[in-house]
């Protein structure tokens, strides 16, 4: 899943669970559940290969969308801002770790984590953006309608 969908899921978990101990753990676990579903593949092929042109657009979108989702979630749910922020970050954390491995191309003490994360990415497809969009709007609608209005 894209970063902003992981973060939106972290927000939903923070507001549903409201436990400062359990919600971040569930947010971290949610990352792998979402990555096991079919989702968007921006065309990245590895640290030593040229990414497809869509990858650059994808990164630009993430750079804009992630802070926007974070700011919107914190503003809408300001009474739980710290828990929301913590859950958003823990929901996104596996991609940060995975990006470090992809960027540097070497293995570290996280070998098993990288192998597991790579294995569950079976569903990356170019058409996965449709699933990502439906998920984003569905979770966003539920969040706003159930918790804000």
N, C-alpha and C. Protein backbone atom coordinates (compact mmCIF):
# COMPACT_ATOMS: atom_id res chain seq x y z
N UNK A 1 0.85 -1.18 0.00
CA UNK A 1 0.00 0.00 0.00
C UNK A 1 0.89 1.24 0.00
N UNK A 2 0.29 2.30 -0.39
CA UNK A 2 1.02 3.57 -0.38
C UNK A 2 1.14 4.09 1.05
N UNK A 3 2.09 4.96 1.24
CA UNK A 3 2.34 5.51 2.57
C UNK A 3 1.14 6.22 3.16
N UNK A 4 0.43 6.97 2.34
CA UNK A 4 -0.71 7.70 2.91
C UNK A 4 -1.83 6.76 3.31
N UNK A 5 -1.98 5.61 2.66
CA UNK A 5 -2.98 4.64 3.10
C UNK A 5 -2.55 3.95 4.39
N UNK A 6 -1.28 3.69 4.55
CA UNK A 6 -0.80 3.13 5.81
C UNK A 6 -1.06 4.12 6.95
N UNK A 7 -0.79 5.37 6.70
CA UNK A 7 -0.99 6.38 7.74
C UNK A 7 -2.47 6.60 8.06
N UNK A 8 -3.29 6.55 7.06
CA UNK A 8 -4.74 6.67 7.29
C UNK A 8 -5.22 5.49 8.14
N UNK A 9 -4.70 4.32 7.90
CA UNK A 9 -5.04 3.15 8.71
C UNK A 9 -4.57 3.34 10.14
N UNK A 10 -3.38 3.89 10.32
CA UNK A 10 -2.89 4.20 11.67
C UNK A 10 -3.82 5.14 12.40
N UNK A 11 -4.34 6.13 11.68
CA UNK A 11 -5.31 7.06 12.28
C UNK A 11 -6.56 6.31 12.72
N UNK A 12 -7.08 5.46 11.86
CA UNK A 12 -8.29 4.71 12.18
C UNK A 12 -8.06 3.82 13.41
N UNK A 13 -6.92 3.18 13.48
CA UNK A 13 -6.63 2.32 14.62
C UNK A 13 -6.50 3.15 15.89
N UNK A 14 -5.81 4.27 15.83
CA UNK A 14 -5.66 5.14 17.00
C UNK A 14 -7.02 5.56 17.56
N UNK A 15 -7.93 5.92 16.68
CA UNK A 15 -9.23 6.39 17.12
C UNK A 15 -10.15 5.26 17.56
N UNK A 16 -9.96 4.08 17.01
CA UNK A 16 -10.80 2.94 17.38
C UNK A 16 -10.35 2.29 18.68
N UNK A 17 -9.06 2.12 18.84
CA UNK A 17 -8.52 1.40 19.98
C UNK A 17 -8.30 2.34 21.17
N UNK A 18 -7.75 3.50 20.93
CA UNK A 18 -7.46 4.53 21.93
C UNK A 18 -6.63 4.05 23.11
N UNK A 19 -5.85 3.01 22.91
CA UNK A 19 -4.92 2.54 23.93
C UNK A 19 -3.52 2.96 23.50
N UNK A 20 -2.83 3.71 24.34
CA UNK A 20 -1.49 4.17 23.95
C UNK A 20 -0.47 3.04 23.86
N UNK A 21 -0.81 1.85 24.34
CA UNK A 21 0.10 0.71 24.27
C UNK A 21 -0.27 -0.23 23.14
N UNK A 22 -1.55 -0.47 22.95
CA UNK A 22 -2.00 -1.44 21.96
C UNK A 22 -2.12 -0.84 20.56
N UNK A 23 -2.59 0.38 20.46
CA UNK A 23 -2.83 0.99 19.15
C UNK A 23 -1.58 1.07 18.28
N UNK A 24 -0.42 1.48 18.79
CA UNK A 24 0.78 1.50 17.94
C UNK A 24 1.21 0.11 17.48
N UNK A 25 1.03 -0.88 18.32
CA UNK A 25 1.39 -2.26 17.94
C UNK A 25 0.47 -2.73 16.82
N UNK A 26 -0.82 -2.48 16.96
CA UNK A 26 -1.78 -2.85 15.91
C UNK A 26 -1.52 -2.07 14.63
N UNK A 27 -1.10 -0.82 14.76
CA UNK A 27 -0.79 -0.01 13.58
C UNK A 27 0.40 -0.59 12.83
N UNK A 28 1.42 -1.00 13.57
CA UNK A 28 2.59 -1.63 12.95
C UNK A 28 2.18 -2.92 12.23
N UNK A 29 1.37 -3.74 12.89
CA UNK A 29 0.92 -5.00 12.29
C UNK A 29 0.04 -4.75 11.07
N UNK A 30 -0.75 -3.68 11.09
CA UNK A 30 -1.65 -3.38 9.97
C UNK A 30 -0.87 -3.17 8.68
N UNK A 31 0.35 -2.68 8.82
CA UNK A 31 1.17 -2.44 7.63
C UNK A 31 1.32 -3.72 6.80
N UNK A 32 1.58 -4.81 7.47
CA UNK A 32 1.82 -6.07 6.77
C UNK A 32 0.53 -6.66 6.22
N UNK A 33 -0.57 -6.45 6.93
CA UNK A 33 -1.86 -6.91 6.42
C UNK A 33 -2.20 -6.17 5.12
N UNK A 34 -2.01 -4.85 5.12
CA UNK A 34 -2.30 -4.08 3.91
C UNK A 34 -1.35 -4.43 2.77
N UNK A 35 -0.09 -4.67 3.09
CA UNK A 35 0.87 -5.02 2.03
C UNK A 35 0.62 -6.40 1.45
N UNK A 36 -0.10 -7.24 2.18
CA UNK A 36 -0.43 -8.57 1.67
C UNK A 36 -1.59 -8.52 0.68
N UNK A 37 -2.28 -7.39 0.60
CA UNK A 37 -3.38 -7.22 -0.36
C UNK A 37 -2.82 -6.72 -1.69
N UNK A 38 -3.52 -6.96 -2.79
CA UNK A 38 -3.08 -6.34 -4.05
C UNK A 38 -3.06 -4.82 -3.91
N UNK A 39 -1.99 -4.22 -4.37
CA UNK A 39 -1.87 -2.76 -4.27
C UNK A 39 -0.95 -2.24 -5.39
N UNK A 40 -0.77 -0.94 -5.40
CA UNK A 40 -0.07 -0.27 -6.49
C UNK A 40 1.42 -0.58 -6.50
N UNK A 41 1.95 -0.79 -7.69
CA UNK A 41 3.38 -0.94 -7.91
C UNK A 41 3.83 0.22 -8.78
N UNK A 42 4.61 1.14 -8.22
CA UNK A 42 5.01 2.32 -8.99
C UNK A 42 6.06 2.05 -10.04
N UNK A 43 6.56 0.84 -10.14
CA UNK A 43 7.53 0.53 -11.17
C UNK A 43 8.96 0.49 -10.69
N UNK A 44 9.18 0.48 -9.39
CA UNK A 44 10.53 0.39 -8.86
C UNK A 44 11.04 -1.02 -9.06
N UNK A 45 12.23 -1.18 -9.55
CA UNK A 45 12.74 -2.51 -9.87
C UNK A 45 13.96 -2.92 -9.07
N UNK A 46 14.52 -2.06 -8.25
CA UNK A 46 15.66 -2.44 -7.44
C UNK A 46 16.70 -1.35 -7.39
N UNK A 47 17.66 -1.46 -6.47
CA UNK A 47 18.62 -0.38 -6.27
C UNK A 47 19.58 -0.14 -7.43
N UNK A 48 19.78 -1.14 -8.28
CA UNK A 48 20.74 -0.99 -9.37
C UNK A 48 20.07 -0.93 -10.75
N UNK A 49 18.76 -0.77 -10.77
CA UNK A 49 18.04 -0.68 -12.03
C UNK A 49 17.35 0.67 -12.12
N UNK A 50 17.14 1.11 -13.30
CA UNK A 50 16.47 2.39 -13.53
C UNK A 50 14.97 2.23 -13.25
N UNK A 51 14.42 3.05 -12.36
CA UNK A 51 12.99 2.96 -12.11
C UNK A 51 12.20 3.49 -13.30
N UNK A 52 11.01 2.98 -13.46
CA UNK A 52 10.15 3.49 -14.52
C UNK A 52 9.78 4.93 -14.21
N UNK A 53 9.36 5.66 -15.24
CA UNK A 53 9.05 7.08 -15.05
C UNK A 53 7.93 7.30 -14.04
N UNK A 54 7.04 6.34 -13.91
CA UNK A 54 5.94 6.49 -12.96
C UNK A 54 6.43 6.53 -11.52
N UNK A 55 7.58 5.93 -11.24
CA UNK A 55 8.10 5.92 -9.89
C UNK A 55 8.39 7.34 -9.40
N UNK A 56 8.89 8.18 -10.28
CA UNK A 56 9.18 9.57 -9.90
C UNK A 56 7.89 10.31 -9.56
N UNK A 57 6.83 10.07 -10.32
CA UNK A 57 5.54 10.70 -10.02
C UNK A 57 4.97 10.18 -8.71
N UNK A 58 5.15 8.90 -8.48
CA UNK A 58 4.68 8.28 -7.25
C UNK A 58 5.38 8.91 -6.04
N UNK A 59 6.69 9.05 -6.11
CA UNK A 59 7.44 9.65 -5.01
C UNK A 59 6.99 11.09 -4.77
N UNK A 60 6.77 11.84 -5.85
CA UNK A 60 6.28 13.23 -5.70
C UNK A 60 4.92 13.25 -5.02
N UNK A 61 4.04 12.34 -5.40
CA UNK A 61 2.73 12.26 -4.76
C UNK A 61 2.86 11.92 -3.29
N UNK A 62 3.72 10.99 -2.94
CA UNK A 62 3.92 10.62 -1.54
C UNK A 62 4.47 11.81 -0.74
N UNK A 63 5.39 12.56 -1.32
CA UNK A 63 5.98 13.70 -0.63
C UNK A 63 4.92 14.74 -0.31
N UNK A 64 3.92 14.86 -1.15
CA UNK A 64 2.83 15.81 -0.92
C UNK A 64 1.74 15.19 -0.05
N UNK A 65 1.37 13.96 -0.33
CA UNK A 65 0.22 13.33 0.33
C UNK A 65 0.47 12.96 1.78
N UNK A 66 1.65 12.48 2.10
CA UNK A 66 1.91 12.03 3.47
C UNK A 66 1.80 13.19 4.46
N UNK A 67 2.47 14.31 4.25
CA UNK A 67 2.28 15.42 5.19
C UNK A 67 0.83 15.94 5.21
N UNK A 68 0.16 15.88 4.07
CA UNK A 68 -1.24 16.34 4.02
C UNK A 68 -2.13 15.43 4.86
N UNK A 69 -1.94 14.11 4.75
CA UNK A 69 -2.73 13.17 5.55
C UNK A 69 -2.41 13.35 7.03
N UNK A 70 -1.13 13.53 7.35
CA UNK A 70 -0.74 13.73 8.75
C UNK A 70 -1.37 15.00 9.32
N UNK A 71 -1.25 16.10 8.61
CA UNK A 71 -1.80 17.36 9.10
C UNK A 71 -3.31 17.31 9.22
N UNK A 72 -3.97 16.75 8.23
CA UNK A 72 -5.43 16.66 8.26
C UNK A 72 -5.90 15.79 9.42
N UNK A 73 -5.25 14.65 9.61
CA UNK A 73 -5.64 13.76 10.71
C UNK A 73 -5.43 14.43 12.06
N UNK A 74 -4.32 15.10 12.23
CA UNK A 74 -4.04 15.75 13.50
C UNK A 74 -5.01 16.91 13.74
N UNK A 75 -5.33 17.66 12.70
CA UNK A 75 -6.29 18.76 12.86
C UNK A 75 -7.70 18.26 13.15
N UNK A 76 -8.14 17.25 12.43
CA UNK A 76 -9.50 16.74 12.63
C UNK A 76 -9.66 16.05 13.98
N UNK A 77 -8.63 15.36 14.41
CA UNK A 77 -8.72 14.57 15.64
C UNK A 77 -7.74 15.08 16.68
N UNK A 78 -7.74 16.41 16.86
CA UNK A 78 -6.76 17.06 17.72
C UNK A 78 -6.82 16.60 19.18
N UNK A 79 -7.97 16.13 19.64
CA UNK A 79 -8.06 15.68 21.02
C UNK A 79 -7.22 14.42 21.27
N UNK A 80 -6.87 13.70 20.20
CA UNK A 80 -6.03 12.50 20.31
C UNK A 80 -4.78 12.63 19.44
N UNK A 81 -4.28 13.85 19.27
CA UNK A 81 -3.25 14.11 18.27
C UNK A 81 -1.98 13.27 18.48
N UNK A 82 -1.57 13.10 19.71
CA UNK A 82 -0.32 12.38 19.95
C UNK A 82 -0.46 10.88 19.61
N UNK A 83 -1.57 10.29 19.99
CA UNK A 83 -1.81 8.89 19.66
C UNK A 83 -1.97 8.71 18.15
N UNK A 84 -2.69 9.63 17.53
CA UNK A 84 -2.88 9.57 16.07
C UNK A 84 -1.52 9.67 15.37
N UNK A 85 -0.71 10.62 15.77
CA UNK A 85 0.61 10.78 15.16
C UNK A 85 1.47 9.54 15.37
N UNK A 86 1.48 9.01 16.59
CA UNK A 86 2.27 7.82 16.88
C UNK A 86 1.83 6.61 16.05
N UNK A 87 0.52 6.45 15.91
CA UNK A 87 0.02 5.30 15.14
C UNK A 87 0.26 5.48 13.64
N UNK A 88 0.17 6.71 13.16
CA UNK A 88 0.48 6.94 11.75
C UNK A 88 1.93 6.59 11.46
N UNK A 89 2.82 7.01 12.34
CA UNK A 89 4.24 6.75 12.13
C UNK A 89 4.58 5.28 12.26
N UNK A 90 3.99 4.58 13.24
CA UNK A 90 4.29 3.16 13.37
C UNK A 90 3.67 2.35 12.23
N UNK A 91 2.56 2.81 11.68
CA UNK A 91 1.97 2.13 10.53
C UNK A 91 2.84 2.28 9.29
N UNK A 92 3.59 3.37 9.21
CA UNK A 92 4.44 3.65 8.05
C UNK A 92 5.88 3.13 8.24
N UNK A 93 6.28 2.89 9.46
CA UNK A 93 7.66 2.53 9.79
C UNK A 93 8.24 1.37 8.96
N UNK A 94 7.51 0.28 8.71
CA UNK A 94 8.11 -0.79 7.90
C UNK A 94 8.57 -0.34 6.52
N UNK A 95 7.87 0.63 5.92
CA UNK A 95 8.32 1.12 4.61
C UNK A 95 9.59 1.94 4.73
N UNK A 96 9.77 2.63 5.83
CA UNK A 96 11.01 3.38 6.04
C UNK A 96 12.18 2.40 6.15
N UNK A 97 11.99 1.34 6.92
CA UNK A 97 13.04 0.34 7.06
C UNK A 97 13.32 -0.35 5.73
N UNK A 98 12.26 -0.65 4.99
CA UNK A 98 12.40 -1.33 3.70
C UNK A 98 13.10 -0.42 2.70
N UNK A 99 12.78 0.87 2.73
CA UNK A 99 13.41 1.82 1.82
C UNK A 99 14.91 1.92 2.09
N UNK A 100 15.30 1.83 3.34
CA UNK A 100 16.72 1.87 3.67
C UNK A 100 17.44 0.68 3.05
N UNK A 101 16.81 -0.49 3.10
CA UNK A 101 17.42 -1.67 2.50
C UNK A 101 17.49 -1.53 0.99
N UNK A 102 16.43 -1.04 0.38
CA UNK A 102 16.42 -0.86 -1.07
C UNK A 102 17.45 0.18 -1.50
N UNK A 103 17.58 1.22 -0.73
CA UNK A 103 18.49 2.31 -1.08
C UNK A 103 19.94 1.87 -0.98
N UNK A 104 20.27 1.18 0.09
CA UNK A 104 21.66 0.82 0.33
C UNK A 104 22.02 -0.54 -0.24
N UNK A 105 21.03 -1.38 -0.46
CA UNK A 105 21.26 -2.65 -1.11
C UNK A 105 22.03 -3.69 -0.32
N UNK A 106 22.26 -3.43 0.94
CA UNK A 106 22.95 -4.44 1.74
C UNK A 106 22.05 -4.91 2.87
N UNK A 107 22.37 -6.06 3.35
CA UNK A 107 21.57 -6.65 4.41
C UNK A 107 22.17 -6.31 5.77
N UNK A 108 21.31 -6.22 6.73
CA UNK A 108 21.75 -5.89 8.07
C UNK A 108 21.13 -6.89 9.04
N UNK A 109 21.03 -6.50 10.28
CA UNK A 109 20.41 -7.34 11.28
C UNK A 109 18.92 -7.55 11.01
N UNK A 110 18.37 -6.84 10.05
CA UNK A 110 16.95 -6.96 9.71
C UNK A 110 16.70 -7.90 8.54
N UNK A 111 17.59 -8.83 8.29
CA UNK A 111 17.46 -9.74 7.14
C UNK A 111 16.11 -10.44 7.10
N UNK A 112 15.67 -10.99 8.21
CA UNK A 112 14.40 -11.72 8.23
C UNK A 112 13.23 -10.77 7.98
N UNK A 113 13.32 -9.57 8.52
CA UNK A 113 12.28 -8.58 8.27
C UNK A 113 12.19 -8.26 6.78
N UNK A 114 13.32 -8.01 6.14
CA UNK A 114 13.32 -7.69 4.71
C UNK A 114 12.77 -8.85 3.88
N UNK A 115 13.17 -10.06 4.22
CA UNK A 115 12.69 -11.23 3.48
C UNK A 115 11.18 -11.37 3.63
N UNK A 116 10.68 -11.19 4.84
CA UNK A 116 9.23 -11.28 5.07
C UNK A 116 8.50 -10.18 4.32
N UNK A 117 9.00 -8.96 4.40
CA UNK A 117 8.34 -7.82 3.75
C UNK A 117 8.34 -8.00 2.22
N UNK A 118 9.42 -8.50 1.68
CA UNK A 118 9.47 -8.78 0.23
C UNK A 118 8.47 -9.87 -0.16
N UNK A 119 8.36 -10.89 0.67
CA UNK A 119 7.49 -12.01 0.35
C UNK A 119 6.02 -11.61 0.30
N UNK A 120 5.59 -10.76 1.21
CA UNK A 120 4.17 -10.40 1.24
C UNK A 120 3.80 -9.37 0.17
N UNK A 121 4.76 -8.87 -0.55
CA UNK A 121 4.49 -7.88 -1.60
C UNK A 121 4.07 -8.54 -2.91
N UNK A 122 3.55 -9.72 -2.85
CA UNK A 122 3.16 -10.48 -4.05
C UNK A 122 2.13 -9.73 -4.89
N UNK A 123 1.33 -8.88 -4.30
CA UNK A 123 0.21 -8.27 -5.00
C UNK A 123 0.48 -6.92 -5.60
N UNK A 124 1.73 -6.52 -5.74
CA UNK A 124 2.03 -5.23 -6.37
C UNK A 124 1.73 -5.30 -7.86
N UNK A 125 0.83 -4.44 -8.30
CA UNK A 125 0.42 -4.42 -9.71
C UNK A 125 0.22 -2.98 -10.16
N UNK A 126 0.44 -2.70 -11.44
CA UNK A 126 0.20 -1.34 -11.94
C UNK A 126 -1.25 -0.88 -11.76
N UNK A 127 -2.19 -1.81 -11.86
CA UNK A 127 -3.60 -1.46 -11.71
C UNK A 127 -4.02 -1.34 -10.25
N UNK A 128 -3.10 -1.61 -9.34
CA UNK A 128 -3.41 -1.56 -7.91
C UNK A 128 -3.81 -0.19 -7.41
N UNK A 129 -3.56 0.85 -8.21
CA UNK A 129 -3.96 2.19 -7.79
C UNK A 129 -5.47 2.28 -7.59
N UNK A 130 -6.24 1.46 -8.32
CA UNK A 130 -7.70 1.49 -8.14
C UNK A 130 -8.08 0.98 -6.75
N UNK A 131 -7.42 -0.06 -6.30
CA UNK A 131 -7.68 -0.58 -4.96
C UNK A 131 -7.24 0.44 -3.92
N UNK A 132 -6.09 1.06 -4.15
CA UNK A 132 -5.59 2.09 -3.24
C UNK A 132 -6.58 3.25 -3.13
N UNK A 133 -7.11 3.70 -4.25
CA UNK A 133 -8.04 4.84 -4.25
C UNK A 133 -9.34 4.49 -3.52
N UNK A 134 -9.89 3.32 -3.81
CA UNK A 134 -11.12 2.89 -3.13
C UNK A 134 -10.89 2.79 -1.63
N UNK A 135 -9.77 2.20 -1.24
CA UNK A 135 -9.44 2.06 0.18
C UNK A 135 -9.31 3.43 0.84
N UNK A 136 -8.59 4.33 0.19
CA UNK A 136 -8.38 5.68 0.74
C UNK A 136 -9.70 6.39 0.99
N UNK A 137 -10.57 6.40 -0.01
CA UNK A 137 -11.83 7.11 0.15
C UNK A 137 -12.77 6.41 1.13
N UNK A 138 -12.75 5.09 1.17
CA UNK A 138 -13.61 4.36 2.11
C UNK A 138 -13.19 4.62 3.56
N UNK A 139 -11.90 4.46 3.84
CA UNK A 139 -11.42 4.68 5.21
C UNK A 139 -11.56 6.16 5.58
N UNK A 140 -11.23 7.04 4.66
CA UNK A 140 -11.39 8.47 4.92
C UNK A 140 -12.83 8.84 5.23
N UNK A 141 -13.77 8.30 4.48
CA UNK A 141 -15.19 8.58 4.71
C UNK A 141 -15.63 8.07 6.08
N UNK A 142 -15.23 6.84 6.40
CA UNK A 142 -15.61 6.26 7.69
C UNK A 142 -15.02 7.10 8.84
N UNK A 143 -13.77 7.47 8.71
CA UNK A 143 -13.15 8.30 9.75
C UNK A 143 -13.88 9.60 9.97
N UNK A 144 -14.10 10.31 8.89
CA UNK A 144 -14.73 11.63 9.00
C UNK A 144 -16.17 11.51 9.46
N UNK A 145 -16.91 10.55 8.94
CA UNK A 145 -18.32 10.46 9.31
C UNK A 145 -18.54 9.92 10.71
N UNK A 146 -17.70 9.00 11.18
CA UNK A 146 -17.90 8.41 12.49
C UNK A 146 -17.25 9.17 13.64
N UNK A 147 -16.18 9.87 13.36
CA UNK A 147 -15.45 10.49 14.46
C UNK A 147 -15.49 12.00 14.46
N UNK A 148 -15.78 12.60 13.38
CA UNK A 148 -15.70 14.05 13.34
C UNK A 148 -17.06 14.72 13.30
N UNK A 149 -18.00 14.12 12.61
CA UNK A 149 -19.32 14.76 12.44
C UNK A 149 -20.21 14.42 13.60
